[in-house]
Amino acid sequence: MTEKLYDLDSSVTEFECEVIELYIKENRLAVELDRTAFFPEGGGQTSDRGFLGEAYVENVEICDGHILHFVENSEENVQKFQKGVVLHGKVDEIKRFSDMQQHSGEHILSGIVHNRFGYNNVGFHLSESGVTVDFDGNFTENDLCKVEDLVNEVIWKNLEIRVSYPNEEALKTLTYRSKKEIDGPLRIVEIPGVDVCACCAPHVKRTGEIGQFRILSAEKHRDGTRLSILCGARALRDSREKLAQNTAVSRLLSCRQTETAQFVQKMKTEKEALSFRLVGLQRRLLAQQAADAAPQKRFVEFLDADMETLRFFGDLLADKAGEFAAVFSEDSPRRFVVFSKTGYDVNAVCALLRTELGAKGGGRNGAAQGAVDAGQDAIRNALAGD
C-alpha cells in the first residue's frame, strides 16, 4: 500500500521513494511506489505531474487500488524503474498550487451556496482548460454577484483549512457534504463556519492563499446551473487578458473602458440600419435589372447577397425564364435558389448539380434551394443545357 504524502501535507512536493512494482498498462509504463506526493486523478480533478528521477510523470491514476505513475514506455525507463530502486520524486509545484487554489475556492463556493440556497454540488471538473461546478438549482444575476462577494470575503479572512480523519463516533454527529459513498477512512476538509466536506484532494492551508475568486459564467445544465469559475493566479491571468482586450477596444472606439459595451451597441445598431438600407437599395437595383432583362430560356446569375435577396432576384427573373432562373451566392460554398413559373422540374436542376458538382438541396412547387462548392464557369457549364 502506497503512503499518501499529499494526504498528510499538501505542501510536500519533493520526496524519496522506492519502486515496489512496475506494470505495463495498455502499452503504458506504470510505476508503483512505497510512498508518493503525486495526487492521482480523482474527485473531478486531474492528477499532479512532475518527475521521478529524470523521467517525466505525465499522469497518475488509481487502478484496482494501486496508485500508478505513468512515464514514457521506453527500454531505458523499464531498466530504471526496477523493483527496489530508490528515486527522488518532484511534483510540479506550479500546477499543484494552482489546482489547490481552484479546489479550495470551489469548497468555499459550494459551502456558501449550500448554506444560503440549499443547493447541492452535483458535479465538479478541474482541468488546465477551466473549472466548472454544477448545482441542482438556479441563480439570478444578483445571487451570483452576492455569492462571488461572499467567497472573496472568506478568502480575505485567511481562515485555516483543516484536514482530519474522524473516527466512527465523531462521524455520527458530524454534518458534511459528500457526492458519493466513500470506502475506507473518511477524509474531511473543513473551512470553519463555511464548509465541511469529504474530499480526497490536496488543499491550500489557509483561505488567503486562494488569492481571489471569480465566477466567469453561468449556464443552464440539466435542471440546475453550471458555473465556470477561476481562482488565484488563473483568475488574475483571465482578468488581465480581458482587461487587455477591453483596453484595445476602448482605444479603437475612442471611449472610456467603462463605456465599451455602450459604444459597441451603438455601432451595432448603426450597422444594422445601414445594412437594411443597403439591402433595400440592392433590391431596387435588382428589380430594375430584372425588368430590363430580355427573356431567355435559362437564367444563371451570381450575387453577393443574403438568401432572402437571392430568392427575391430569382423570383423576378423566373417571370422571364422559359425554363428556370437559378441565382447563386458569391461565397463558398455557394448557396443557391432555383425558380420556375413554367412547370419546369426544379428538382431536376438540383439533381444535375448534385451529379455534376456534388451539390446538396431540393424543393418543390417551382422553387428549390441548396448549396454547391464550385466555380462560376463549372456551374454555368453544368446548367448550359442544349
Protein backbone atom coordinates (compact mmCIF):
# COMPACT_ATOMS: atom_id res chain seq x y z
CA MET A 1 0.00 0.00 0.00
CA THR A 2 1.46 3.35 -1.05
CA GLU A 3 1.81 6.02 1.64
CA LYS A 4 -0.07 9.14 0.52
CA LEU A 5 2.17 12.07 1.40
CA TYR A 6 -0.28 14.50 -0.21
CA ASP A 7 -2.86 13.47 2.38
CA LEU A 8 -0.57 14.33 5.26
CA ASP A 9 0.85 17.63 3.97
CA SER A 10 -0.22 19.29 0.71
CA SER A 11 2.95 21.42 0.70
CA VAL A 12 5.21 18.38 0.22
CA THR A 13 6.34 18.35 -3.41
CA GLU A 14 9.72 16.58 -3.15
CA PHE A 15 10.29 13.16 -1.61
CA GLU A 16 12.36 9.97 -1.66
CA CYS A 17 10.64 6.74 -2.61
CA GLU A 18 11.19 3.13 -3.59
CA VAL A 19 9.76 1.25 -6.57
CA ILE A 20 7.60 -1.63 -5.37
CA GLU A 21 6.22 -2.75 -8.73
CA LEU A 22 6.37 -1.99 -12.46
CA TYR A 23 3.40 -2.55 -14.78
CA ILE A 24 2.54 -2.32 -18.45
CA LYS A 25 -0.99 -0.95 -18.79
CA GLU A 26 -2.35 -0.69 -22.35
CA ASN A 27 1.21 -0.23 -23.63
CA ARG A 28 1.86 2.44 -20.98
CA LEU A 29 4.60 2.08 -18.37
CA ALA A 30 3.27 2.47 -14.82
CA VAL A 31 5.35 2.71 -11.65
CA GLU A 32 4.04 1.88 -8.17
CA LEU A 33 5.92 3.43 -5.23
CA ASP A 34 6.08 2.80 -1.49
CA ARG A 35 5.24 6.49 -0.91
CA THR A 36 4.20 9.39 -3.12
CA ALA A 37 3.38 13.08 -3.08
CA PHE A 38 1.71 12.82 -6.50
CA PHE A 39 -2.06 13.27 -6.26
CA PRO A 40 -3.81 10.85 -8.65
CA GLU A 41 -6.87 11.65 -10.74
CA GLY A 42 -9.95 11.80 -8.56
CA GLY A 43 -12.83 13.90 -7.31
CA GLY A 44 -13.20 15.67 -10.65
CA GLN A 45 -9.54 16.80 -10.63
CA THR A 46 -6.66 15.91 -12.95
CA SER A 47 -3.56 14.39 -11.43
CA ASP A 48 -0.29 16.01 -10.48
CA ARG A 49 2.61 15.93 -12.92
CA GLY A 50 6.35 16.09 -12.36
CA PHE A 51 9.40 13.84 -12.34
CA LEU A 52 10.62 10.55 -10.91
CA GLY A 53 14.36 10.86 -11.24
CA GLU A 54 14.73 12.22 -14.77
CA ALA A 55 11.58 10.57 -16.11
CA TYR A 56 8.56 12.79 -16.68
CA VAL A 57 5.39 11.68 -14.88
CA GLU A 58 2.60 12.52 -17.33
CA ASN A 59 -0.31 11.17 -15.31
CA VAL A 60 -1.12 9.39 -12.04
CA GLU A 61 -4.11 7.08 -11.64
CA ILE A 62 -5.61 4.68 -9.12
CA CYS A 63 -6.00 1.28 -10.79
CA ASP A 64 -7.50 -1.59 -8.76
CA GLY A 65 -6.49 0.17 -5.55
CA HIS A 66 -2.90 0.84 -6.67
CA ILE A 67 -1.51 4.35 -7.25
CA LEU A 68 0.29 4.18 -10.59
CA HIS A 69 2.65 6.80 -12.01
CA PHE A 70 2.72 6.72 -15.81
CA VAL A 71 6.00 7.51 -17.58
CA GLU A 72 7.25 7.06 -21.13
CA ASN A 73 7.25 3.38 -22.11
CA SER A 74 10.87 3.02 -23.16
CA GLU A 75 13.51 0.35 -22.62
CA GLU A 76 15.58 2.89 -20.70
CA ASN A 77 12.73 3.56 -18.25
CA VAL A 78 12.00 -0.16 -17.85
CA GLN A 79 15.59 -0.59 -16.68
CA LYS A 80 15.48 2.50 -14.41
CA PHE A 81 12.31 1.52 -12.56
CA GLN A 82 13.12 -1.99 -11.46
CA LYS A 83 11.65 -3.15 -8.15
CA GLY A 84 13.65 -1.86 -5.17
CA VAL A 85 15.18 1.14 -6.93
CA VAL A 86 15.21 4.32 -4.82
CA LEU A 87 14.15 7.51 -6.60
CA HIS A 88 13.70 11.22 -5.98
CA GLY A 89 10.22 12.46 -6.81
CA LYS A 90 9.39 16.06 -7.63
CA VAL A 91 5.84 17.31 -8.17
CA ASP A 92 5.19 20.28 -10.47
CA GLU A 93 4.68 22.91 -7.75
CA ILE A 94 3.04 25.49 -10.02
CA LYS A 95 0.33 23.10 -11.22
CA ARG A 96 -0.18 21.67 -7.71
CA PHE A 97 -0.65 25.12 -6.14
CA SER A 98 -2.96 26.27 -8.94
CA ASP A 99 -5.09 23.13 -8.56
CA MET A 100 -5.25 23.65 -4.79
CA GLN A 101 -6.35 27.26 -5.26
CA GLN A 102 -9.17 26.16 -7.59
CA HIS A 103 -10.31 23.24 -5.43
CA SER A 104 -10.25 25.15 -2.15
CA GLY A 105 -12.14 28.01 -3.81
CA GLU A 106 -14.74 25.53 -5.04
CA HIS A 107 -15.24 24.26 -1.47
CA ILE A 108 -15.93 27.79 -0.24
CA LEU A 109 -18.33 28.38 -3.14
CA SER A 110 -20.17 25.08 -2.58
CA GLY A 111 -20.40 25.64 1.16
CA ILE A 112 -21.83 29.15 0.75
CA VAL A 113 -24.30 28.05 -1.95
CA HIS A 114 -25.45 25.10 0.17
CA ASN A 115 -25.86 27.20 3.32
CA ARG A 116 -27.53 30.13 1.56
CA PHE A 117 -29.74 28.39 -1.04
CA GLY A 118 -29.80 24.73 -0.01
CA TYR A 119 -28.40 23.67 -3.40
CA ASN A 120 -26.04 20.71 -3.72
CA ASN A 121 -22.82 20.48 -5.68
CA VAL A 122 -23.64 17.64 -8.08
CA GLY A 123 -20.64 17.92 -10.40
CA PHE A 124 -17.10 19.29 -10.34
CA HIS A 125 -14.42 19.32 -13.03
CA LEU A 126 -10.96 20.84 -12.66
CA SER A 127 -8.62 20.77 -15.63
CA GLU A 128 -6.00 23.09 -17.08
CA SER A 129 -8.57 24.48 -19.51
CA GLY A 130 -11.11 25.50 -16.85
CA VAL A 131 -13.11 24.80 -13.72
CA THR A 132 -16.83 24.03 -13.66
CA VAL A 133 -19.21 23.38 -10.76
CA ASP A 134 -22.73 22.04 -11.23
CA PHE A 135 -25.54 22.86 -8.78
CA ASP A 136 -29.05 21.42 -8.61
CA GLY A 137 -30.68 24.85 -8.50
CA ASN A 138 -30.84 28.16 -10.33
CA PHE A 139 -29.48 31.63 -9.59
CA THR A 140 -30.32 35.20 -10.51
CA GLU A 141 -27.57 37.56 -11.62
CA ASN A 142 -27.78 39.30 -8.24
CA ASP A 143 -27.46 35.93 -6.49
CA LEU A 144 -24.20 35.22 -8.31
CA CYS A 145 -22.77 38.67 -7.56
CA LYS A 146 -23.55 38.19 -3.87
CA VAL A 147 -22.07 34.68 -3.83
CA GLU A 148 -18.89 35.94 -5.51
CA ASP A 149 -18.58 38.67 -2.88
CA LEU A 150 -19.11 36.20 -0.02
CA VAL A 151 -16.48 33.77 -1.35
CA ASN A 152 -13.91 36.56 -1.60
CA GLU A 153 -14.75 37.73 1.93
CA VAL A 154 -13.92 34.23 3.21
CA ILE A 155 -10.64 34.32 1.27
CA TRP A 156 -9.71 37.68 2.81
CA LYS A 157 -10.36 36.36 6.33
CA ASN A 158 -7.46 33.92 5.75
CA LEU A 159 -9.20 31.10 7.61
CA GLU A 160 -7.37 27.86 8.37
CA ILE A 161 -8.37 24.90 6.18
CA ARG A 162 -8.39 21.81 8.37
CA VAL A 163 -7.97 18.22 7.24
CA SER A 164 -8.93 15.34 9.55
CA TYR A 165 -9.92 11.68 9.67
CA PRO A 166 -12.79 11.49 12.22
CA ASN A 167 -13.50 8.13 13.84
CA GLU A 168 -16.90 6.43 13.59
CA GLU A 169 -18.19 8.02 16.79
CA ALA A 170 -17.26 11.52 15.63
CA LEU A 171 -18.80 10.92 12.20
CA LYS A 172 -22.18 10.11 13.79
CA THR A 173 -22.54 13.70 14.94
CA LEU A 174 -20.77 15.38 12.00
CA THR A 175 -22.74 17.02 9.18
CA TYR A 176 -20.71 17.16 5.98
CA ARG A 177 -21.14 17.34 2.22
CA SER A 178 -20.34 14.33 0.05
CA LYS A 179 -21.36 13.48 -3.53
CA LYS A 180 -20.81 9.72 -3.21
CA GLU A 181 -20.25 6.86 -0.81
CA ILE A 182 -16.58 6.55 0.21
CA ASP A 183 -14.86 3.30 1.14
CA GLY A 184 -12.25 3.32 3.89
CA PRO A 185 -11.31 6.13 6.28
CA LEU A 186 -13.19 9.36 5.59
CA ARG A 187 -11.00 12.41 4.93
CA ILE A 188 -12.81 15.59 5.98
CA VAL A 189 -11.82 19.05 4.73
CA GLU A 190 -13.22 21.84 6.91
CA ILE A 191 -13.29 25.59 6.46
CA PRO A 192 -14.62 26.81 9.83
CA GLY A 193 -18.07 28.35 9.60
CA VAL A 194 -18.17 27.87 5.83
CA ASP A 195 -17.94 24.24 4.72
CA VAL A 196 -17.35 20.67 5.87
CA CYS A 197 -16.83 18.21 3.03
CA ALA A 198 -15.48 14.72 2.40
CA CYS A 199 -12.61 15.18 -0.07
CA CYS A 200 -9.51 13.30 -1.20
CA ALA A 201 -7.64 16.20 -2.84
CA PRO A 202 -4.85 18.49 -1.58
CA HIS A 203 -5.90 21.98 -0.43
CA VAL A 204 -4.16 25.20 0.50
CA LYS A 205 -3.57 25.60 4.22
CA ARG A 206 -5.33 28.94 4.62
CA THR A 207 -8.02 30.60 2.52
CA GLY A 208 -5.83 33.65 1.91
CA GLU A 209 -3.62 31.51 -0.36
CA ILE A 210 -6.53 31.28 -2.83
CA GLY A 211 -5.96 34.95 -3.64
CA GLN A 212 -9.16 35.79 -5.50
CA PHE A 213 -12.31 34.13 -6.81
CA ARG A 214 -14.27 34.88 -9.98
CA ILE A 215 -17.48 33.49 -11.48
CA LEU A 216 -16.94 33.71 -15.23
CA SER A 217 -20.27 32.40 -16.50
CA ALA A 218 -23.47 30.60 -15.57
CA GLU A 219 -25.46 28.39 -17.91
CA LYS A 220 -28.43 26.09 -17.56
CA HIS A 221 -27.34 22.50 -17.03
CA ARG A 222 -29.98 19.78 -16.80
CA ASP A 223 -32.36 21.06 -14.10
CA GLY A 224 -29.77 23.28 -12.46
CA THR A 225 -26.83 25.56 -13.21
CA ARG A 226 -23.25 25.07 -14.33
CA LEU A 227 -20.86 27.76 -13.10
CA SER A 228 -17.46 28.37 -14.67
CA ILE A 229 -15.08 29.71 -12.05
CA LEU A 230 -11.42 30.62 -11.62
CA CYS A 231 -9.29 31.26 -8.56
CA GLY A 232 -5.89 32.68 -7.73
CA ALA A 233 -3.30 33.00 -10.49
CA ARG A 234 -5.73 31.69 -13.10
CA ALA A 235 -8.30 34.35 -12.19
CA LEU A 236 -5.59 37.02 -12.34
CA ARG A 237 -4.46 35.91 -15.83
CA ASP A 238 -8.05 35.82 -17.04
CA SER A 239 -8.71 39.34 -15.72
CA ARG A 240 -5.54 40.65 -17.36
CA GLU A 241 -6.41 39.11 -20.73
CA LYS A 242 -9.93 40.56 -20.65
CA LEU A 243 -8.67 43.95 -19.49
CA ALA A 244 -6.18 44.00 -22.37
CA GLN A 245 -8.98 43.23 -24.83
CA ASN A 246 -11.24 45.90 -23.34
CA THR A 247 -8.41 48.43 -23.36
CA ALA A 248 -7.76 47.73 -27.06
CA VAL A 249 -11.46 48.08 -27.88
CA SER A 250 -11.75 51.35 -25.93
CA ARG A 251 -8.80 52.79 -27.85
CA LEU A 252 -10.27 51.76 -31.20
CA LEU A 253 -13.60 53.35 -30.26
CA SER A 254 -12.02 56.37 -28.55
CA CYS A 255 -14.16 55.84 -25.47
CA ARG A 256 -13.70 55.03 -21.80
CA GLN A 257 -13.22 51.40 -20.81
CA THR A 258 -16.45 51.59 -18.81
CA GLU A 259 -18.33 52.63 -21.96
CA THR A 260 -17.17 50.00 -24.49
CA ALA A 261 -20.38 47.94 -24.39
CA GLN A 262 -22.48 51.08 -24.89
CA PHE A 263 -20.38 52.16 -27.87
CA VAL A 264 -20.38 48.68 -29.43
CA GLN A 265 -24.16 48.51 -29.10
CA LYS A 266 -24.42 51.92 -30.79
CA MET A 267 -22.20 50.74 -33.65
CA LYS A 268 -24.18 47.51 -33.98
CA THR A 269 -27.45 49.46 -34.21
CA GLU A 270 -25.97 51.79 -36.83
CA LYS A 271 -24.60 48.85 -38.81
CA GLU A 272 -27.99 47.11 -38.81
CA ALA A 273 -29.65 50.31 -40.04
CA LEU A 274 -27.07 50.72 -42.82
CA SER A 275 -27.40 47.05 -43.78
CA PHE A 276 -31.17 47.45 -44.01
CA ARG A 277 -30.76 50.49 -46.27
CA LEU A 278 -28.15 48.68 -48.36
CA VAL A 279 -30.41 45.67 -48.89
CA GLY A 280 -33.25 47.99 -49.89
CA LEU A 281 -31.07 49.78 -52.45
CA GLN A 282 -29.71 46.47 -53.72
CA ARG A 283 -33.20 45.11 -54.27
CA ARG A 284 -34.27 48.25 -56.11
CA LEU A 285 -31.30 47.80 -58.48
CA LEU A 286 -32.04 44.08 -58.89
CA ALA A 287 -35.70 44.82 -59.62
CA GLN A 288 -34.62 47.24 -62.35
CA GLN A 289 -32.09 44.71 -63.67
CA ALA A 290 -34.80 42.04 -63.86
CA ALA A 291 -37.20 44.46 -65.55
CA ASP A 292 -34.56 45.34 -68.17
CA ALA A 293 -33.54 41.70 -68.79
CA ALA A 294 -34.54 40.17 -72.11
CA PRO A 295 -36.50 36.91 -71.87
CA GLN A 296 -34.35 33.80 -72.21
CA LYS A 297 -34.55 30.05 -71.74
CA ARG A 298 -32.42 29.82 -68.59
CA PHE A 299 -31.00 32.44 -66.23
CA VAL A 300 -27.82 31.62 -64.24
CA GLU A 301 -26.74 34.57 -62.11
CA PHE A 302 -24.26 35.18 -59.26
CA LEU A 303 -24.91 37.67 -56.49
CA ASP A 304 -23.22 38.94 -53.32
CA ALA A 305 -26.33 38.84 -51.15
CA ASP A 306 -28.19 37.04 -48.38
CA MET A 307 -30.57 34.15 -49.05
CA GLU A 308 -33.69 36.32 -48.99
CA THR A 309 -32.25 38.60 -51.66
CA LEU A 310 -31.26 35.59 -53.77
CA ARG A 311 -34.89 34.46 -53.58
CA PHE A 312 -36.13 37.98 -54.41
CA PHE A 313 -34.00 38.20 -57.55
CA GLY A 314 -34.61 34.61 -58.63
CA ASP A 315 -38.37 35.03 -58.38
CA LEU A 316 -38.26 38.16 -60.57
CA LEU A 317 -36.04 36.53 -63.19
CA ALA A 318 -38.30 33.47 -63.32
CA ASP A 319 -41.02 35.71 -64.83
CA LYS A 320 -38.85 35.95 -67.96
CA ALA A 321 -37.39 32.43 -67.97
CA GLY A 322 -38.59 29.83 -70.45
CA GLU A 323 -37.43 27.04 -68.16
CA PHE A 324 -35.86 28.30 -64.90
CA ALA A 325 -33.88 31.02 -63.17
CA ALA A 326 -31.00 29.99 -60.88
CA VAL A 327 -29.25 32.51 -58.63
CA PHE A 328 -26.04 31.64 -56.72
CA SER A 329 -24.24 33.46 -53.93
CA GLU A 330 -20.63 34.51 -54.39
CA ASP A 331 -19.37 32.99 -51.12
CA SER A 332 -18.18 29.38 -50.70
CA PRO A 333 -19.93 27.01 -50.53
CA ARG A 334 -22.39 28.83 -52.78
CA ARG A 335 -25.99 28.94 -51.64
CA PHE A 336 -28.45 28.89 -54.49
CA VAL A 337 -32.13 29.14 -55.41
CA VAL A 338 -33.93 27.84 -58.46
CA PHE A 339 -37.35 29.13 -59.61
CA SER A 340 -39.59 28.12 -62.47
CA LYS A 341 -43.02 29.51 -63.40
CA THR A 342 -43.45 27.35 -66.49
CA GLY A 343 -43.77 23.95 -64.81
CA TYR A 344 -40.12 23.02 -65.34
CA ASP A 345 -38.89 20.46 -62.77
CA VAL A 346 -36.64 22.43 -60.43
CA ASN A 347 -35.61 19.20 -58.69
CA ALA A 348 -34.07 18.11 -61.97
CA VAL A 349 -31.82 21.19 -61.79
CA CYS A 350 -30.74 20.22 -58.25
CA ALA A 351 -30.17 16.62 -59.36
CA LEU A 352 -27.96 17.83 -62.21
CA LEU A 353 -25.92 19.96 -59.83
CA ARG A 354 -25.61 17.00 -57.45
CA THR A 355 -24.40 14.68 -60.21
CA GLU A 356 -22.03 17.13 -61.86
CA LEU A 357 -20.75 19.16 -58.90
CA GLY A 358 -21.73 17.39 -55.66
CA ALA A 359 -24.38 19.93 -54.68
CA LYS A 360 -26.96 19.44 -51.94
CA GLY A 361 -30.55 20.61 -51.99
CA GLY A 362 -34.01 20.23 -53.44
CA GLY A 363 -37.51 21.64 -53.47
CA ARG A 364 -41.00 21.53 -54.97
CA ASN A 365 -43.82 23.61 -56.46
CA GLY A 366 -41.48 25.55 -58.71
CA ALA A 367 -38.89 26.51 -56.08
CA ALA A 368 -35.73 24.82 -54.81
CA GLN A 369 -32.63 25.75 -52.86
CA GLY A 370 -29.31 24.24 -51.84
CA ALA A 371 -25.55 24.72 -51.74
CA VAL A 372 -22.66 23.80 -54.01
CA ASP A 373 -18.88 24.24 -53.77
CA ALA A 374 -17.88 25.05 -57.37
CA GLY A 375 -16.66 27.88 -59.55
CA GLN A 376 -18.87 30.06 -61.74
CA ASP A 377 -17.65 28.53 -65.02
CA ALA A 378 -18.30 24.98 -63.78
CA ILE A 379 -21.84 25.92 -62.69
CA ARG A 380 -22.62 27.71 -65.98
CA ASN A 381 -21.34 24.75 -67.97
CA ALA A 382 -23.41 22.28 -65.91
CA LEU A 383 -26.61 24.32 -66.46
CA ALA A 384 -25.98 25.36 -70.07
CA GLY A 385 -28.45 22.82 -71.45
CA ASP A 386 -28.82 22.02 -75.14
